Amino acid sequence: MKSKIYLYLFLFTALICLYLVVSGNKMQKQSGKKNEKLKAQVEQLQDSVQQTQMRLMDMQYFSLENNDDALAYYDHLNLNDPTRYIEDKLLETNERKGNNPLVPYEGMEGDFKINKIKILNHRWLLADFSDGKYWGDLIIRYELKDDLGVDFELVDHLLYTRSN
């Protein structure tokens, strides 16, 4: 009787071990598949990040912050951020009553004011203007003087028409 108990105990233990080995192999295969999927996703994300970085570098190509030659024009002025200074000076033209003097159009739904600014280099900038319903773009030549005054001159303009 004692030997039968040991035999059954041994068989029961062997079945448990067999079950654990089989289920462990299945779990290992599943986790291997999950790891492969995760690796593929990581590679896709790395490619996406790299593409985004390249696009960002392309967008920043025409930018005063990334143009050392253009920034050299302002070394003697001791400005921490010439881009921000020029943007602030241009936005000050919005403070006048009525349309911004650099916008050559009369506002239809309100006064045309400059919204967004992109400083291209030490001479030119792009600006977006709007009256809340209608909008357009400006190309402006500017000059930052030694006394920190800024002169703006409109080079070209565009008003978008609405098509309903």
Protein backbone atom coordinates (compact mmCIF):
# COMPACT_ATOMS: atom_id res chain seq x y z
CA MET A 1 0.00 0.00 0.00
CA LYS A 2 2.81 2.34 0.91
CA SER A 3 4.51 1.72 -2.44
CA LYS A 4 1.25 2.51 -4.32
CA ILE A 5 0.97 5.84 -2.47
CA TYR A 6 4.52 6.69 -3.52
CA LEU A 7 3.77 5.63 -7.09
CA TYR A 8 0.64 7.80 -7.25
CA LEU A 9 2.50 10.67 -5.61
CA PHE A 10 5.30 10.31 -8.14
CA LEU A 11 2.83 10.21 -11.07
CA PHE A 12 0.92 13.23 -9.72
CA THR A 13 4.18 15.15 -9.30
CA ALA A 14 5.29 14.16 -12.81
CA LEU A 15 1.97 15.40 -14.26
CA ILE A 16 2.31 18.70 -12.42
CA CYS A 17 5.88 19.08 -13.72
CA LEU A 18 4.77 18.25 -17.25
CA TYR A 19 1.96 20.81 -17.00
CA LEU A 20 4.36 23.49 -15.72
CA VAL A 21 6.87 22.79 -18.51
CA VAL A 22 4.20 22.94 -21.25
CA SER A 23 2.53 26.10 -19.88
CA GLY A 24 5.95 27.72 -19.34
CA ASN A 25 6.87 27.08 -22.98
CA LYS A 26 3.58 28.60 -24.15
CA MET A 27 4.09 31.65 -21.96
CA GLN A 28 7.64 32.02 -23.23
CA LYS A 29 6.46 31.88 -26.86
CA GLN A 30 3.73 34.43 -26.17
CA SER A 31 6.11 36.80 -24.41
CA GLY A 32 8.57 36.35 -27.29
CA LYS A 33 5.84 37.37 -29.76
CA LYS A 34 4.94 40.36 -27.58
CA ASN A 35 8.62 41.36 -27.42
CA GLU A 36 8.89 41.19 -31.22
CA LYS A 37 5.78 43.35 -31.59
CA LEU A 38 7.15 45.84 -29.08
CA LYS A 39 10.52 45.92 -30.88
CA ALA A 40 8.73 46.61 -34.17
CA GLN A 41 6.72 49.40 -32.53
CA VAL A 42 9.87 50.91 -31.01
CA GLU A 43 11.57 50.87 -34.41
CA GLN A 44 8.54 52.58 -35.98
CA LEU A 45 8.54 55.20 -33.24
CA GLN A 46 12.26 55.79 -33.64
CA ASP A 47 11.77 56.26 -37.39
CA SER A 48 8.87 58.61 -36.72
CA VAL A 49 10.93 60.63 -34.22
CA GLN A 50 13.80 60.84 -36.69
CA GLN A 51 11.45 62.03 -39.46
CA THR A 52 9.93 64.60 -37.11
CA GLN A 53 13.37 65.85 -36.14
CA MET A 54 14.30 66.19 -39.81
CA ARG A 55 11.08 68.12 -40.52
CA LEU A 56 11.76 70.37 -37.54
CA MET A 57 15.28 71.04 -38.76
CA ASP A 58 13.88 71.90 -42.20
CA MET A 59 11.33 74.26 -40.65
CA GLN A 60 14.01 75.96 -38.56
CA TYR A 61 16.34 76.45 -41.52
CA PHE A 62 14.92 79.90 -42.23
CA SER A 63 15.06 81.19 -38.69
CA LEU A 64 17.07 83.94 -37.07
CA GLU A 65 17.79 81.76 -34.01
CA ASN A 66 19.62 79.21 -36.16
CA ASN A 67 21.43 81.64 -38.45
CA ASP A 68 24.75 82.53 -36.83
CA ASP A 69 25.72 84.89 -39.67
CA ALA A 70 22.52 86.90 -39.22
CA LEU A 71 22.85 86.89 -35.42
CA ALA A 72 26.37 88.32 -35.78
CA TYR A 73 24.76 91.59 -36.92
CA TYR A 74 23.33 92.00 -33.42
CA ASP A 75 26.37 91.03 -31.32
CA HIS A 76 27.20 94.65 -30.53
CA LEU A 77 23.68 95.37 -29.22
CA ASN A 78 23.88 93.01 -26.23
CA LEU A 79 20.38 91.64 -26.78
CA ASN A 80 19.68 88.30 -25.12
CA ASP A 81 16.97 87.37 -27.63
CA PRO A 82 16.89 89.56 -30.75
CA THR A 83 14.02 87.53 -32.21
CA ARG A 84 11.76 88.21 -29.25
CA TYR A 85 12.76 91.89 -29.23
CA ILE A 86 11.87 92.34 -32.91
CA GLU A 87 8.60 90.44 -32.49
CA ASP A 88 7.66 92.65 -29.54
CA LYS A 89 8.44 95.80 -31.53
CA LEU A 90 6.29 94.58 -34.42
CA LEU A 91 3.43 93.66 -32.09
CA GLU A 92 3.60 97.16 -30.62
CA THR A 93 2.28 98.40 -33.98
CA ASN A 94 -0.97 96.56 -33.12
CA GLU A 95 -1.53 98.86 -30.14
CA ARG A 96 -2.50 101.80 -32.32
CA LYS A 97 -6.21 102.36 -32.75
CA GLY A 98 -7.64 100.98 -35.98
CA ASN A 99 -5.88 98.75 -38.45
CA ASN A 100 -2.21 97.94 -38.08
CA PRO A 101 -0.32 100.51 -40.20
CA LEU A 102 1.67 97.76 -41.94
CA VAL A 103 -1.48 96.03 -43.21
CA PRO A 104 -2.52 97.68 -46.48
CA TYR A 105 -6.17 96.59 -46.21
CA GLU A 106 -9.15 97.97 -44.33
CA GLY A 107 -10.62 95.47 -41.87
CA MET A 108 -14.01 94.14 -42.90
CA GLU A 109 -15.13 92.48 -39.65
CA GLY A 110 -12.92 94.54 -37.36
CA ASP A 111 -9.42 95.94 -37.38
CA PHE A 112 -6.63 94.00 -39.05
CA LYS A 113 -3.97 93.10 -36.49
CA ILE A 114 -0.78 91.07 -36.77
CA ASN A 115 -1.03 87.67 -35.08
CA LYS A 116 1.95 85.46 -35.84
CA ILE A 117 5.50 86.39 -36.77
CA LYS A 118 8.38 84.37 -38.23
CA ILE A 119 11.75 86.12 -38.24
CA LEU A 120 13.66 84.73 -41.24
CA ASN A 121 17.00 86.49 -40.85
CA HIS A 122 18.48 89.90 -39.96
CA ARG A 123 16.44 91.68 -42.69
CA TRP A 124 13.14 89.92 -43.39
CA LEU A 125 10.19 88.52 -41.54
CA LEU A 126 6.84 86.93 -42.32
CA ALA A 127 3.69 87.95 -40.52
CA ASP A 128 0.11 86.75 -40.41
CA PHE A 129 -2.74 89.21 -39.91
CA SER A 130 -6.46 88.87 -39.33
CA ASP A 131 -9.61 90.74 -38.40
CA GLY A 132 -11.22 87.65 -36.90
CA LYS A 133 -12.82 86.47 -40.14
CA TYR A 134 -10.46 87.46 -42.93
CA TRP A 135 -6.72 86.91 -42.89
CA GLY A 136 -3.58 87.34 -44.91
CA ASP A 137 0.21 87.32 -44.92
CA LEU A 138 2.87 90.01 -45.06
CA ILE A 139 6.52 90.03 -46.05
CA ILE A 140 8.26 92.80 -44.14
CA ARG A 141 11.79 94.16 -44.37
CA TYR A 142 13.06 95.45 -41.05
CA GLU A 143 16.14 97.14 -39.69
CA LEU A 144 17.24 96.95 -36.06
CA LYS A 145 19.24 100.09 -35.39
CA ASP A 146 22.04 100.69 -32.92
CA ASP A 147 19.68 102.71 -30.69
CA LEU A 148 17.41 99.58 -30.58
CA GLY A 149 14.80 101.24 -32.75
CA VAL A 150 13.25 99.06 -35.43
CA ASP A 151 12.07 100.29 -38.84
CA PHE A 152 9.54 98.14 -40.68
CA GLU A 153 8.85 98.34 -44.41
CA LEU A 154 6.15 96.33 -46.16
CA VAL A 155 7.60 94.39 -49.11
CA ASP A 156 4.58 92.34 -50.21
CA HIS A 157 1.16 91.31 -48.97
CA LEU A 158 -1.63 88.85 -49.60
CA LEU A 159 -5.24 88.79 -48.47
CA TYR A 160 -6.98 85.43 -48.67
CA THR A 161 -10.48 85.41 -50.12
CA ARG A 162 -13.13 83.21 -48.64
CA SER A 163 -14.83 80.76 -50.94
CA ASN A 164 -18.09 79.38 -49.55
